[in-house]
Amino acid sequence: MIHTVACIAQEGLAPFEFGVACEAFGLDRSAQGLPVFDFRVVTPVPGRIGTDFGFSLLVDEDLAFADVADVVVVAATPRAFWGGQDPRVRDVVRRAVARGAWVLSVCSGAFTLADAGVLDGRRATTHWMHADRLATMYPTIEVDPDVLYVQEGRIITSAGTAAGIDASLHLLRQEIGAEAANEIARRMVVPPQRDGGQAQFIARPLPEHAGASLAPVADWALDRLDQELGVEELAARAHMSPRTFARRFKRDFGATPAAWLARQRVLHAQRLLEQTDFSLERIAADSGFGSAAVLRQNFARVLGLTPTAYRDRFRCAEPAPREAAPAA
């Protein structure tokens, strides 16, 4: 699990994107039983740093802490540094990637990662307004302007503003578990998960821009994850043809109905693994995977862990009672 987080601040920083890192990693939430991180703001030369809103921050620490932190956050990179990053920042990012630390960029922070060369040959994203510029300046990077965030190994790049929150929660979910990350999201009053390009994969809230005709259908499906749910059935409930339904669903949720359901089922299985002692077969059935083998395949594909390894890592302190034994 992560313990230390360094956020790199530079002259001209954007307060909102900087605040995302402070909110996600810097608050003491121990009263809710959540982990507390050693969070520090660092800069090449300690002192007063101006923002793009006319006020300043006083940063006391240099970049040394970033060389030992478990997570290095690069907030939005001011335009003055695009293509000409401070070499000290560039080097600390390179070293972080080389030693296997998490590196997370918010919005135009991707330009710092690109300048450091750590995105070469990788897929990445940034704010859609800057995506063409990033792709032109760094043609070896596969820039995707249509997603909220992209994870490549232990490097995460995110789009503008609120997408940085999504990316931070995505990282936290992998390190402290789904339930703890969801509790942080509740404290922040944001949806627990919007998974990269696939909009919101969460328990109930739906994408803000989802058409009213699709919201009740998605909510209905979330209550029936243990059942076979095909596009035809979902489309019928929306009073649409399957083709129209699939097109509108992809537009509103950023994923096909099948991909959305598969991710919802993984999330439901994560919660059951954390909160119950149900067998893998029971969890697979309740989540709609049918068998433990299919559950394992999906966990390996999505999370890179087996269900058993996930349970060992993220089991809650007081799980729900074991499933009842069959009656004699």
C-alpha atoms as a PDB file:
ATOM      1  CA  MET A   1       0.000   0.000   0.000  1.00  0.00           C
ATOM      2  CA  ILE A   2       1.161   3.535  -0.673  1.00  0.00           C
ATOM      3  CA  HIS A   3       2.309   5.674   2.266  1.00  0.00           C
ATOM      4  CA  THR A   4       3.981   8.758   0.785  1.00  0.00           C
ATOM      5  CA  VAL A   5       2.796  11.190  -1.892  1.00  0.00           C
ATOM      6  CA  ALA A   6       4.708  14.089  -3.414  1.00  0.00           C
ATOM      7  CA  CYS A   7       2.958  16.744  -5.505  1.00  0.00           C
ATOM      8  CA  ILE A   8       5.217  18.828  -7.724  1.00  0.00           C
ATOM      9  CA  ALA A   9       4.295  22.524  -7.838  1.00  0.00           C
ATOM     10  CA  GLN A  10       5.776  25.045 -10.270  1.00  0.00           C
ATOM     11  CA  GLU A  11       5.433  28.741 -11.011  1.00  0.00           C
ATOM     12  CA  GLY A  12       2.100  29.501 -12.668  1.00  0.00           C
ATOM     13  CA  LEU A  13       0.349  26.387 -11.348  1.00  0.00           C
ATOM     14  CA  ALA A  14      -3.416  25.940 -11.778  1.00  0.00           C
ATOM     15  CA  PRO A  15      -5.071  25.915  -8.324  1.00  0.00           C
ATOM     16  CA  PHE A  16      -7.894  23.511  -9.150  1.00  0.00           C
ATOM     17  CA  GLU A  17      -5.694  20.750 -10.515  1.00  0.00           C
ATOM     18  CA  PHE A  18      -3.266  21.284  -7.647  1.00  0.00           C
ATOM     19  CA  GLY A  19      -6.171  21.086  -5.214  1.00  0.00           C
ATOM     20  CA  VAL A  20      -7.210  17.724  -6.664  1.00  0.00           C
ATOM     21  CA  ALA A  21      -4.001  16.153  -5.394  1.00  0.00           C
ATOM     22  CA  CYS A  22      -4.337  17.842  -2.011  1.00  0.00           C
ATOM     23  CA  GLU A  23      -7.936  16.666  -1.622  1.00  0.00           C
ATOM     24  CA  ALA A  24      -7.359  13.100  -2.813  1.00  0.00           C
ATOM     25  CA  PHE A  25      -4.127  12.366  -0.963  1.00  0.00           C
ATOM     26  CA  GLY A  26      -3.552  15.105   1.608  1.00  0.00           C
ATOM     27  CA  LEU A  27      -6.540  15.047   3.960  1.00  0.00           C
ATOM     28  CA  ASP A  28      -6.535  13.231   7.292  1.00  0.00           C
ATOM     29  CA  ARG A  29      -9.477  10.818   7.098  1.00  0.00           C
ATOM     30  CA  SER A  30      -8.375   8.592   9.967  1.00  0.00           C
ATOM     31  CA  ALA A  31     -11.642   9.296  11.806  1.00  0.00           C
ATOM     32  CA  GLN A  32     -13.344   7.261   9.080  1.00  0.00           C
ATOM     33  CA  GLY A  33     -10.815   4.462   9.455  1.00  0.00           C
ATOM     34  CA  LEU A  34      -9.064   5.436   6.218  1.00  0.00           C
ATOM     35  CA  PRO A  35      -5.301   5.531   5.683  1.00  0.00           C
ATOM     36  CA  VAL A  36      -3.402   8.776   6.141  1.00  0.00           C
ATOM     37  CA  PHE A  37      -0.639   9.525   3.641  1.00  0.00           C
ATOM     38  CA  ASP A  38       2.506  11.530   4.198  1.00  0.00           C
ATOM     39  CA  PHE A  39       1.612  14.157   1.598  1.00  0.00           C
ATOM     40  CA  ARG A  40       4.036  16.932   0.733  1.00  0.00           C
ATOM     41  CA  VAL A  41       4.167  19.688  -1.857  1.00  0.00           C
ATOM     42  CA  VAL A  42       7.594  19.992  -3.449  1.00  0.00           C
ATOM     43  CA  THR A  43       9.249  22.320  -5.950  1.00  0.00           C
ATOM     44  CA  PRO A  44      12.686  22.734  -7.548  1.00  0.00           C
ATOM     45  CA  VAL A  45      13.481  25.870  -5.517  1.00  0.00           C
ATOM     46  CA  PRO A  46      11.531  26.262  -2.256  1.00  0.00           C
ATOM     47  CA  GLY A  47       9.845  29.601  -1.750  1.00  0.00           C
ATOM     48  CA  ARG A  48       6.930  31.595  -3.108  1.00  0.00           C
ATOM     49  CA  ILE A  49       5.198  30.189  -6.192  1.00  0.00           C
ATOM     50  CA  GLY A  50       2.733  32.218  -8.211  1.00  0.00           C
ATOM     51  CA  THR A  51      -0.526  30.758  -9.517  1.00  0.00           C
ATOM     52  CA  ASP A  52      -2.430  31.644 -12.651  1.00  0.00           C
ATOM     53  CA  PHE A  53      -5.135  33.248 -10.465  1.00  0.00           C
ATOM     54  CA  GLY A  54      -3.043  36.044  -9.015  1.00  0.00           C
ATOM     55  CA  PHE A  55      -2.172  34.616  -5.613  1.00  0.00           C
ATOM     56  CA  SER A  56       0.879  32.749  -4.387  1.00  0.00           C
ATOM     57  CA  LEU A  57       1.769  29.621  -2.448  1.00  0.00           C
ATOM     58  CA  LEU A  58       4.701  29.227  -0.103  1.00  0.00           C
ATOM     59  CA  VAL A  59       6.348  25.831  -0.691  1.00  0.00           C
ATOM     60  CA  ASP A  60       8.953  24.751   1.850  1.00  0.00           C
ATOM     61  CA  GLU A  61      10.323  21.512   0.372  1.00  0.00           C
ATOM     62  CA  ASP A  62      12.581  20.844  -2.585  1.00  0.00           C
ATOM     63  CA  LEU A  63      12.289  17.803  -4.849  1.00  0.00           C
ATOM     64  CA  ALA A  64      14.173  15.402  -2.545  1.00  0.00           C
ATOM     65  CA  PHE A  65      10.972  13.912  -1.119  1.00  0.00           C
ATOM     66  CA  ALA A  66       9.753  13.115  -4.644  1.00  0.00           C
ATOM     67  CA  ASP A  67      12.705  10.754  -5.003  1.00  0.00           C
ATOM     68  CA  VAL A  68      11.402   8.517  -2.215  1.00  0.00           C
ATOM     69  CA  ALA A  69       7.622   8.989  -2.489  1.00  0.00           C
ATOM     70  CA  ASP A  70       5.355   6.093  -3.436  1.00  0.00           C
ATOM     71  CA  VAL A  71       3.303   8.448  -5.635  1.00  0.00           C
ATOM     72  CA  VAL A  72       4.523  11.465  -7.579  1.00  0.00           C
ATOM     73  CA  VAL A  73       1.734  13.779  -8.756  1.00  0.00           C
ATOM     74  CA  VAL A  74       2.406  16.282 -11.516  1.00  0.00           C
ATOM     75  CA  ALA A  75      -0.314  18.912 -11.488  1.00  0.00           C
ATOM     76  CA  ALA A  76      -1.199  20.919 -14.589  1.00  0.00           C
ATOM     77  CA  THR A  77       2.009  22.081 -16.258  1.00  0.00           C
ATOM     78  CA  PRO A  78       2.091  25.806 -17.090  1.00  0.00           C
ATOM     79  CA  ARG A  79       2.455  26.545 -20.802  1.00  0.00           C
ATOM     80  CA  ALA A  80       5.816  28.168 -20.173  1.00  0.00           C
ATOM     81  CA  PHE A  81       7.215  24.698 -19.448  1.00  0.00           C
ATOM     82  CA  TRP A  82       5.673  22.849 -22.412  1.00  0.00           C
ATOM     83  CA  GLY A  83       8.598  21.423 -24.322  1.00  0.00           C
ATOM     84  CA  GLY A  84      11.073  23.060 -21.970  1.00  0.00           C
ATOM     85  CA  GLN A  85      10.590  21.490 -18.563  1.00  0.00           C
ATOM     86  CA  ASP A  86      12.887  22.300 -15.688  1.00  0.00           C
ATOM     87  CA  PRO A  87      15.514  19.536 -15.970  1.00  0.00           C
ATOM     88  CA  ARG A  88      15.288  18.866 -12.235  1.00  0.00           C
ATOM     89  CA  VAL A  89      11.582  18.076 -12.567  1.00  0.00           C
ATOM     90  CA  ARG A  90      12.181  16.056 -15.706  1.00  0.00           C
ATOM     91  CA  ASP A  91      14.822  13.976 -13.972  1.00  0.00           C
ATOM     92  CA  VAL A  92      12.774  13.316 -10.839  1.00  0.00           C
ATOM     93  CA  VAL A  93       9.914  12.029 -13.014  1.00  0.00           C
ATOM     94  CA  ARG A  94      12.290   9.735 -14.874  1.00  0.00           C
ATOM     95  CA  ARG A  95      13.698   8.379 -11.637  1.00  0.00           C
ATOM     96  CA  ALA A  96      10.215   7.832 -10.206  1.00  0.00           C
ATOM     97  CA  VAL A  97       9.221   5.728 -13.202  1.00  0.00           C
ATOM     98  CA  ALA A  98      12.503   3.840 -13.152  1.00  0.00           C
ATOM     99  CA  ARG A  99      12.105   2.838  -9.497  1.00  0.00           C
ATOM    100  CA  GLY A 100       8.495   1.749  -9.956  1.00  0.00           C
ATOM    101  CA  ALA A 101       6.689   4.566  -8.148  1.00  0.00           C
ATOM    102  CA  TRP A 102       3.231   5.643  -9.229  1.00  0.00           C
ATOM    103  CA  VAL A 103       3.345   8.747 -11.431  1.00  0.00           C
ATOM    104  CA  LEU A 104       0.073  10.627 -11.944  1.00  0.00           C
ATOM    105  CA  SER A 105      -0.391  13.675 -14.152  1.00  0.00           C
ATOM    106  CA  VAL A 106      -3.428  15.941 -14.048  1.00  0.00           C
ATOM    107  CA  CYS A 107      -4.536  17.792 -17.176  1.00  0.00           C
ATOM    108  CA  SER A 108      -1.526  19.396 -18.895  1.00  0.00           C
ATOM    109  CA  GLY A 109       0.810  17.674 -16.454  1.00  0.00           C
ATOM    110  CA  ALA A 110       1.105  15.117 -19.256  1.00  0.00           C
ATOM    111  CA  PHE A 111       3.453  17.580 -20.988  1.00  0.00           C
ATOM    112  CA  THR A 112       5.943  17.150 -18.149  1.00  0.00           C
ATOM    113  CA  LEU A 113       5.767  13.360 -18.420  1.00  0.00           C
ATOM    114  CA  ALA A 114       6.131  13.621 -22.185  1.00  0.00           C
ATOM    115  CA  ASP A 115       9.124  15.927 -21.872  1.00  0.00           C
ATOM    116  CA  ALA A 116      10.715  13.417 -19.504  1.00  0.00           C
ATOM    117  CA  GLY A 117      10.317  10.727 -22.161  1.00  0.00           C
ATOM    118  CA  VAL A 118       8.360   8.355 -19.941  1.00  0.00           C
ATOM    119  CA  LEU A 119       5.338   8.332 -22.275  1.00  0.00           C
ATOM    120  CA  ASP A 120       7.259   7.352 -25.407  1.00  0.00           C
ATOM    121  CA  GLY A 121       5.536   4.408 -27.075  1.00  0.00           C
ATOM    122  CA  ARG A 122       2.680   4.577 -24.586  1.00  0.00           C
ATOM    123  CA  ARG A 123      -0.947   5.630 -24.689  1.00  0.00           C
ATOM    124  CA  ALA A 124      -1.768   8.802 -22.751  1.00  0.00           C
ATOM    125  CA  THR A 125      -4.310  11.580 -22.438  1.00  0.00           C
ATOM    126  CA  THR A 126      -4.634  15.210 -21.442  1.00  0.00           C
ATOM    127  CA  HIS A 127      -7.313  17.890 -21.640  1.00  0.00           C
ATOM    128  CA  TRP A 128      -8.993  17.657 -25.047  1.00  0.00           C
ATOM    129  CA  MET A 129      -8.035  21.257 -25.790  1.00  0.00           C
ATOM    130  CA  HIS A 130      -4.346  20.332 -25.529  1.00  0.00           C
ATOM    131  CA  ALA A 131      -4.443  16.848 -27.049  1.00  0.00           C
ATOM    132  CA  ASP A 132      -3.499  17.879 -30.599  1.00  0.00           C
ATOM    133  CA  ARG A 133      -0.614  19.958 -29.292  1.00  0.00           C
ATOM    134  CA  LEU A 134       0.671  17.061 -27.199  1.00  0.00           C
ATOM    135  CA  ALA A 135       0.427  14.667 -30.138  1.00  0.00           C
ATOM    136  CA  THR A 136       2.213  17.101 -32.453  1.00  0.00           C
ATOM    137  CA  MET A 137       5.021  17.831 -30.028  1.00  0.00           C
ATOM    138  CA  TYR A 138       5.506  14.164 -29.103  1.00  0.00           C
ATOM    139  CA  PRO A 139       4.569  11.959 -32.075  1.00  0.00           C
ATOM    140  CA  THR A 140       5.788   8.763 -30.377  1.00  0.00           C
ATOM    141  CA  ILE A 141       2.945   9.045 -27.839  1.00  0.00           C
ATOM    142  CA  GLU A 142      -0.493   7.607 -28.660  1.00  0.00           C
ATOM    143  CA  VAL A 143      -2.615  10.516 -27.457  1.00  0.00           C
ATOM    144  CA  ASP A 144      -6.260   9.663 -26.784  1.00  0.00           C
ATOM    145  CA  PRO A 145      -8.337  12.865 -26.400  1.00  0.00           C
ATOM    146  CA  ASP A 146     -11.627  11.089 -25.703  1.00  0.00           C
ATOM    147  CA  VAL A 147     -11.015   9.455 -22.320  1.00  0.00           C
ATOM    148  CA  LEU A 148     -10.957  10.596 -18.704  1.00  0.00           C
ATOM    149  CA  TYR A 149      -7.666   8.940 -17.898  1.00  0.00           C
ATOM    150  CA  VAL A 150      -5.240   6.297 -19.119  1.00  0.00           C
ATOM    151  CA  GLN A 151      -3.167   3.874 -17.069  1.00  0.00           C
ATOM    152  CA  GLU A 152      -0.020   2.406 -18.598  1.00  0.00           C
ATOM    153  CA  GLY A 153       1.745   0.305 -15.996  1.00  0.00           C
ATOM    154  CA  ARG A 154       2.180   2.616 -13.006  1.00  0.00           C
ATOM    155  CA  ILE A 155       1.829   5.794 -15.043  1.00  0.00           C
ATOM    156  CA  ILE A 156      -1.576   7.486 -15.101  1.00  0.00           C
ATOM    157  CA  THR A 157      -2.390  10.500 -17.247  1.00  0.00           C
ATOM    158  CA  SER A 158      -5.712  12.280 -16.840  1.00  0.00           C
ATOM    159  CA  ALA A 159      -7.777  14.853 -18.681  1.00  0.00           C
ATOM    160  CA  GLY A 160      -8.781  18.243 -17.315  1.00  0.00           C
ATOM    161  CA  THR A 161     -10.201  19.308 -13.971  1.00  0.00           C
ATOM    162  CA  ALA A 162     -12.512  16.640 -12.484  1.00  0.00           C
ATOM    163  CA  ALA A 163     -10.881  13.821 -14.466  1.00  0.00           C
ATOM    164  CA  GLY A 164      -7.928  14.230 -12.125  1.00  0.00           C
ATOM    165  CA  ILE A 165     -10.226  13.224  -9.273  1.00  0.00           C
ATOM    166  CA  ASP A 166     -11.313  10.154 -11.224  1.00  0.00           C
ATOM    167  CA  ALA A 167      -7.701   9.195 -11.904  1.00  0.00           C
ATOM    168  CA  SER A 168      -6.728   9.697  -8.257  1.00  0.00           C
ATOM    169  CA  LEU A 169      -9.605   7.492  -7.083  1.00  0.00           C
ATOM    170  CA  HIS A 170      -8.612   4.898  -9.685  1.00  0.00           C
ATOM    171  CA  LEU A 171      -5.092   4.801  -8.253  1.00  0.00           C
ATOM    172  CA  LEU A 172      -6.382   4.661  -4.679  1.00  0.00           C
ATOM    173  CA  ARG A 173      -8.753   1.832  -5.541  1.00  0.00           C
ATOM    174  CA  GLN A 174      -5.802  -0.292  -6.615  1.00  0.00           C
ATOM    175  CA  GLU A 175      -3.794   0.505  -3.497  1.00  0.00           C
ATOM    176  CA  ILE A 176      -6.313   0.647  -0.658  1.00  0.00           C
ATOM    177  CA  GLY A 177      -9.281  -1.259  -2.113  1.00  0.00           C
ATOM    178  CA  ALA A 178     -12.642  -0.393  -3.615  1.00  0.00           C
ATOM    179  CA  GLU A 179     -14.514   0.169  -0.348  1.00  0.00           C
ATOM    180  CA  ALA A 180     -11.952   2.583   1.092  1.00  0.00           C
ATOM    181  CA  ALA A 181     -11.679   4.466  -2.204  1.00  0.00           C
ATOM    182  CA  ASN A 182     -15.463   4.708  -2.357  1.00  0.00           C
ATOM    183  CA  GLU A 183     -15.507   6.176   1.154  1.00  0.00           C
ATOM    184  CA  ILE A 184     -13.013   8.826   0.056  1.00  0.00           C
ATOM    185  CA  ALA A 185     -15.247   9.561  -2.932  1.00  0.00           C
ATOM    186  CA  ARG A 186     -18.236   9.960  -0.630  1.00  0.00           C
ATOM    187  CA  ARG A 187     -16.267  12.434   1.486  1.00  0.00           C
ATOM    188  CA  MET A 188     -15.412  14.347  -1.679  1.00  0.00           C
ATOM    189  CA  VAL A 189     -19.066  14.143  -2.830  1.00  0.00           C
ATOM    190  CA  VAL A 190     -18.105  12.731  -6.223  1.00  0.00           C
ATOM    191  CA  PRO A 191     -19.073   9.530  -8.033  1.00  0.00           C
ATOM    192  CA  PRO A 192     -17.022   6.607  -6.662  1.00  0.00           C
ATOM    193  CA  GLN A 193     -15.739   5.559 -10.069  1.00  0.00           C
ATOM    194  CA  ARG A 194     -15.677   6.775 -13.626  1.00  0.00           C
ATOM    195  CA  ASP A 195     -13.400   4.260 -15.251  1.00  0.00           C
ATOM    196  CA  GLY A 196     -11.230   5.895 -17.882  1.00  0.00           C
ATOM    197  CA  GLY A 197     -13.102   6.138 -21.154  1.00  0.00           C
ATOM    198  CA  GLN A 198     -16.055   4.197 -19.824  1.00  0.00           C
ATOM    199  CA  ALA A 199     -17.799   7.017 -17.956  1.00  0.00           C
ATOM    200  CA  GLN A 200     -19.172   6.049 -14.535  1.00  0.00           C
ATOM    201  CA  PHE A 201     -18.882   2.426 -13.382  1.00  0.00           C
ATOM    202  CA  ILE A 202     -20.453   2.911  -9.986  1.00  0.00           C
ATOM    203  CA  ALA A 203     -23.157   1.455  -7.808  1.00  0.00           C
ATOM    204  CA  ARG A 204     -25.976   3.865  -8.676  1.00  0.00           C
ATOM    205  CA  PRO A 205     -25.065   7.376  -9.910  1.00  0.00           C
ATOM    206  CA  LEU A 206     -25.169   7.719 -13.693  1.00  0.00           C
ATOM    207  CA  PRO A 207     -23.320  10.016 -16.088  1.00  0.00           C
ATOM    208  CA  GLU A 208     -24.558  13.572 -15.747  1.00  0.00           C
ATOM    209  CA  HIS A 209     -25.212  13.745 -19.488  1.00  0.00           C
ATOM    210  CA  ALA A 210     -26.987  10.401 -19.800  1.00  0.00           C
ATOM    211  CA  GLY A 211     -30.308  10.604 -21.558  1.00  0.00           C
ATOM    212  CA  ALA A 212     -33.276  10.304 -19.246  1.00  0.00           C
ATOM    213  CA  SER A 213     -34.541   7.343 -21.240  1.00  0.00           C
ATOM    214  CA  LEU A 214     -31.380   5.314 -20.484  1.00  0.00           C
ATOM    215  CA  ALA A 215     -30.952   6.101 -16.787  1.00  0.00           C
ATOM    216  CA  PRO A 216     -33.733   3.809 -15.511  1.00  0.00           C
ATOM    217  CA  VAL A 217     -32.584   1.011 -17.807  1.00  0.00           C
ATOM    218  CA  ALA A 218     -29.046   1.157 -16.438  1.00  0.00           C
ATOM    219  CA  ASP A 219     -30.383   1.294 -12.889  1.00  0.00           C
ATOM    220  CA  TRP A 220     -32.603  -1.705 -13.600  1.00  0.00           C
ATOM    221  CA  ALA A 221     -29.622  -3.648 -14.953  1.00  0.00           C
ATOM    222  CA  LEU A 222     -27.528  -2.877 -11.860  1.00  0.00           C
ATOM    223  CA  ASP A 223     -30.147  -4.630  -9.741  1.00  0.00           C
ATOM    224  CA  ARG A 224     -29.908  -7.763 -11.928  1.00  0.00           C
ATOM    225  CA  LEU A 225     -26.204  -8.336 -12.473  1.00  0.00           C
ATOM    226  CA  ASP A 226     -26.654 -12.002 -11.602  1.00  0.00           C
ATOM    227  CA  GLN A 227     -28.915 -12.498 -14.615  1.00  0.00           C
ATOM    228  CA  GLU A 228     -28.270 -12.821 -18.343  1.00  0.00           C
ATOM    229  CA  LEU A 229     -28.702  -9.336 -19.775  1.00  0.00           C
ATOM    230  CA  GLY A 230     -28.527  -8.915 -23.518  1.00  0.00           C
ATOM    231  CA  VAL A 231     -28.713  -5.792 -25.641  1.00  0.00           C
ATOM    232  CA  GLU A 232     -32.078  -6.890 -26.985  1.00  0.00           C
ATOM    233  CA  GLU A 233     -33.616  -7.042 -23.513  1.00  0.00           C
ATOM    234  CA  LEU A 234     -32.123  -3.725 -22.435  1.00  0.00           C
ATOM    235  CA  ALA A 235     -33.180  -2.074 -25.674  1.00  0.00           C
ATOM    236  CA  ALA A 236     -36.738  -3.343 -25.249  1.00  0.00           C
ATOM    237  CA  ARG A 237     -36.933  -1.743 -21.812  1.00  0.00           C
ATOM    238  CA  ALA A 238     -35.784   1.541 -23.352  1.00  0.00           C
ATOM    239  CA  HIS A 239     -38.332   1.116 -26.189  1.00  0.00           C
ATOM    240  CA  MET A 240     -35.571   1.313 -28.775  1.00  0.00           C
ATOM    241  CA  SER A 241     -34.174  -0.933 -31.424  1.00  0.00           C
ATOM    242  CA  PRO A 242     -31.001  -2.778 -30.321  1.00  0.00           C
ATOM    243  CA  ARG A 243     -28.927  -0.794 -32.788  1.00  0.00           C
ATOM    244  CA  THR A 244     -30.231   2.596 -31.606  1.00  0.00           C
ATOM    245  CA  PHE A 245     -29.905   1.592 -27.967  1.00  0.00           C
ATOM    246  CA  ALA A 246     -26.302   0.427 -28.391  1.00  0.00           C
ATOM    247  CA  ARG A 247     -25.365   3.646 -30.182  1.00  0.00           C
ATOM    248  CA  ARG A 248     -26.955   5.913 -27.570  1.00  0.00           C
ATOM    249  CA  PHE A 249     -25.570   3.860 -24.690  1.00  0.00           C
ATOM    250  CA  LYS A 250     -22.050   4.150 -26.099  1.00  0.00           C
ATOM    251  CA  ARG A 251     -22.523   7.886 -26.541  1.00  0.00           C
ATOM    252  CA  ASP A 252     -23.727   8.444 -22.965  1.00  0.00           C
ATOM    253  CA  PHE A 253     -21.637   5.894 -21.062  1.00  0.00           C
ATOM    254  CA  GLY A 254     -18.508   5.711 -23.182  1.00  0.00           C
ATOM    255  CA  ALA A 255     -18.741   1.926 -23.500  1.00  0.00           C
ATOM    256  CA  THR A 256     -20.825  -0.740 -25.171  1.00  0.00           C
ATOM    257  CA  PRO A 257     -23.573  -2.240 -22.996  1.00  0.00           C
ATOM    258  CA  ALA A 258     -21.610  -5.502 -22.759  1.00  0.00           C
ATOM    259  CA  ALA A 259     -18.396  -3.780 -21.650  1.00  0.00           C
ATOM    260  CA  TRP A 260     -20.286  -1.640 -19.138  1.00  0.00           C
ATOM    261  CA  LEU A 261     -22.001  -4.688 -17.636  1.00  0.00           C
ATOM    262  CA  ALA A 262     -18.734  -6.623 -17.438  1.00  0.00           C
ATOM    263  CA  ARG A 263     -17.061  -3.803 -15.504  1.00  0.00           C
ATOM    264  CA  GLN A 264     -20.069  -3.432 -13.196  1.00  0.00           C
ATOM    265  CA  ARG A 265     -19.854  -7.143 -12.444  1.00  0.00           C
ATOM    266  CA  VAL A 266     -16.180  -6.889 -11.558  1.00  0.00           C
ATOM    267  CA  LEU A 267     -16.936  -3.999  -9.209  1.00  0.00           C
ATOM    268  CA  HIS A 268     -19.745  -5.954  -7.557  1.00  0.00           C
ATOM    269  CA  ALA A 269     -17.410  -8.925  -7.121  1.00  0.00           C
ATOM    270  CA  GLN A 270     -14.785  -6.617  -5.576  1.00  0.00           C
ATOM    271  CA  ARG A 271     -17.273  -5.456  -2.962  1.00  0.00           C
ATOM    272  CA  LEU A 272     -18.318  -9.022  -2.131  1.00  0.00           C
ATOM    273  CA  LEU A 273     -14.698 -10.106  -1.805  1.00  0.00           C
ATOM    274  CA  GLU A 274     -13.994  -7.225   0.552  1.00  0.00           C
ATOM    275  CA  GLN A 275     -17.127  -7.478   2.675  1.00  0.00           C
ATOM    276  CA  THR A 276     -18.106 -11.170   2.794  1.00  0.00           C
ATOM    277  CA  ASP A 277     -16.670 -14.646   3.171  1.00  0.00           C
ATOM    278  CA  PHE A 278     -18.743 -15.987   0.276  1.00  0.00           C
ATOM    279  CA  SER A 279     -17.081 -18.658  -1.826  1.00  0.00           C
ATOM    280  CA  LEU A 280     -15.753 -17.728  -5.256  1.00  0.00           C
ATOM    281  CA  GLU A 281     -18.518 -19.771  -6.874  1.00  0.00           C
ATOM    282  CA  ARG A 282     -21.145 -17.833  -4.908  1.00  0.00           C
ATOM    283  CA  ILE A 283     -19.560 -14.501  -5.772  1.00  0.00           C
ATOM    284  CA  ALA A 284     -19.292 -15.493  -9.423  1.00  0.00           C
ATOM    285  CA  ALA A 285     -22.982 -16.395  -9.472  1.00  0.00           C
ATOM    286  CA  ASP A 286     -24.077 -13.237  -7.643  1.00  0.00           C
ATOM    287  CA  SER A 287     -21.987 -11.080  -9.988  1.00  0.00           C
ATOM    288  CA  GLY A 288     -23.229 -12.701 -13.164  1.00  0.00           C
ATOM    289  CA  PHE A 289     -20.006 -14.457 -14.168  1.00  0.00           C
ATOM    290  CA  GLY A 290     -21.477 -17.921 -13.852  1.00  0.00           C
ATOM    291  CA  SER A 291     -18.372 -19.706 -12.580  1.00  0.00           C
ATOM    292  CA  ALA A 292     -15.266 -19.051 -10.527  1.00  0.00           C
ATOM    293  CA  ALA A 293     -13.134 -19.688 -13.611  1.00  0.00           C
ATOM    294  CA  VAL A 294     -14.821 -16.861 -15.534  1.00  0.00           C
ATOM    295  CA  LEU A 295     -14.535 -14.623 -12.467  1.00  0.00           C
ATOM    296  CA  ARG A 296     -10.786 -15.304 -12.317  1.00  0.00           C
ATOM    297  CA  GLN A 297     -10.385 -14.518 -16.013  1.00  0.00           C
ATOM    298  CA  ASN A 298     -12.114 -11.168 -15.649  1.00  0.00           C
ATOM    299  CA  PHE A 299     -10.151 -10.239 -12.526  1.00  0.00           C
ATOM    300  CA  ALA A 300      -6.880 -11.062 -14.251  1.00  0.00           C
ATOM    301  CA  ARG A 301      -7.869  -8.986 -17.272  1.00  0.00           C
ATOM    302  CA  VAL A 302      -9.168  -5.939 -15.399  1.00  0.00           C
ATOM    303  CA  LEU A 303      -7.170  -5.862 -12.158  1.00  0.00           C
ATOM    304  CA  GLY A 304      -4.150  -8.061 -12.785  1.00  0.00           C
ATOM    305  CA  LEU A 305      -4.974 -10.014  -9.604  1.00  0.00           C
ATOM    306  CA  THR A 306      -6.731 -13.237  -8.775  1.00  0.00           C
ATOM    307  CA  PRO A 307      -9.930 -12.903  -6.704  1.00  0.00           C
ATOM    308  CA  THR A 308      -8.189 -14.657  -3.810  1.00  0.00           C
ATOM    309  CA  ALA A 309      -5.240 -12.265  -3.919  1.00  0.00           C
ATOM    310  CA  TYR A 310      -7.632  -9.328  -4.051  1.00  0.00           C
ATOM    311  CA  ARG A 311      -9.553 -10.620  -1.019  1.00  0.00           C
ATOM    312  CA  ASP A 312      -6.337 -11.182   0.958  1.00  0.00           C
ATOM    313  CA  ARG A 313      -5.235  -7.630   0.216  1.00  0.00           C
ATOM    314  CA  PHE A 314      -8.458  -5.707   0.711  1.00  0.00           C
ATOM    315  CA  ARG A 315     -10.702  -7.729   3.005  1.00  0.00           C
ATOM    316  CA  CYS A 316     -12.543  -5.488   5.446  1.00  0.00           C
ATOM    317  CA  ALA A 317     -11.701  -5.859   9.136  1.00  0.00           C
ATOM    318  CA  GLU A 318     -15.150  -7.206   9.970  1.00  0.00           C
ATOM    319  CA  PRO A 319     -16.588  -9.057   6.970  1.00  0.00           C
ATOM    320  CA  ALA A 320     -20.235  -9.926   6.731  1.00  0.00           C
ATOM    321  CA  PRO A 321     -21.254 -13.370   7.966  1.00  0.00           C
ATOM    322  CA  ARG A 322     -20.371 -16.401   5.919  1.00  0.00           C
ATOM    323  CA  GLU A 323     -22.964 -17.700   3.522  1.00  0.00           C
ATOM    324  CA  ALA A 324     -25.463 -19.981   5.181  1.00  0.00           C
ATOM    325  CA  ALA A 325     -24.908 -23.704   4.895  1.00  0.00           C
ATOM    326  CA  PRO A 326     -27.571 -25.654   3.001  1.00  0.00           C
ATOM    327  CA  ALA A 327     -30.351 -27.012   5.163  1.00  0.00           C
ATOM    328  CA  ALA A 328     -29.961 -30.627   6.128  1.00  0.00           C
END
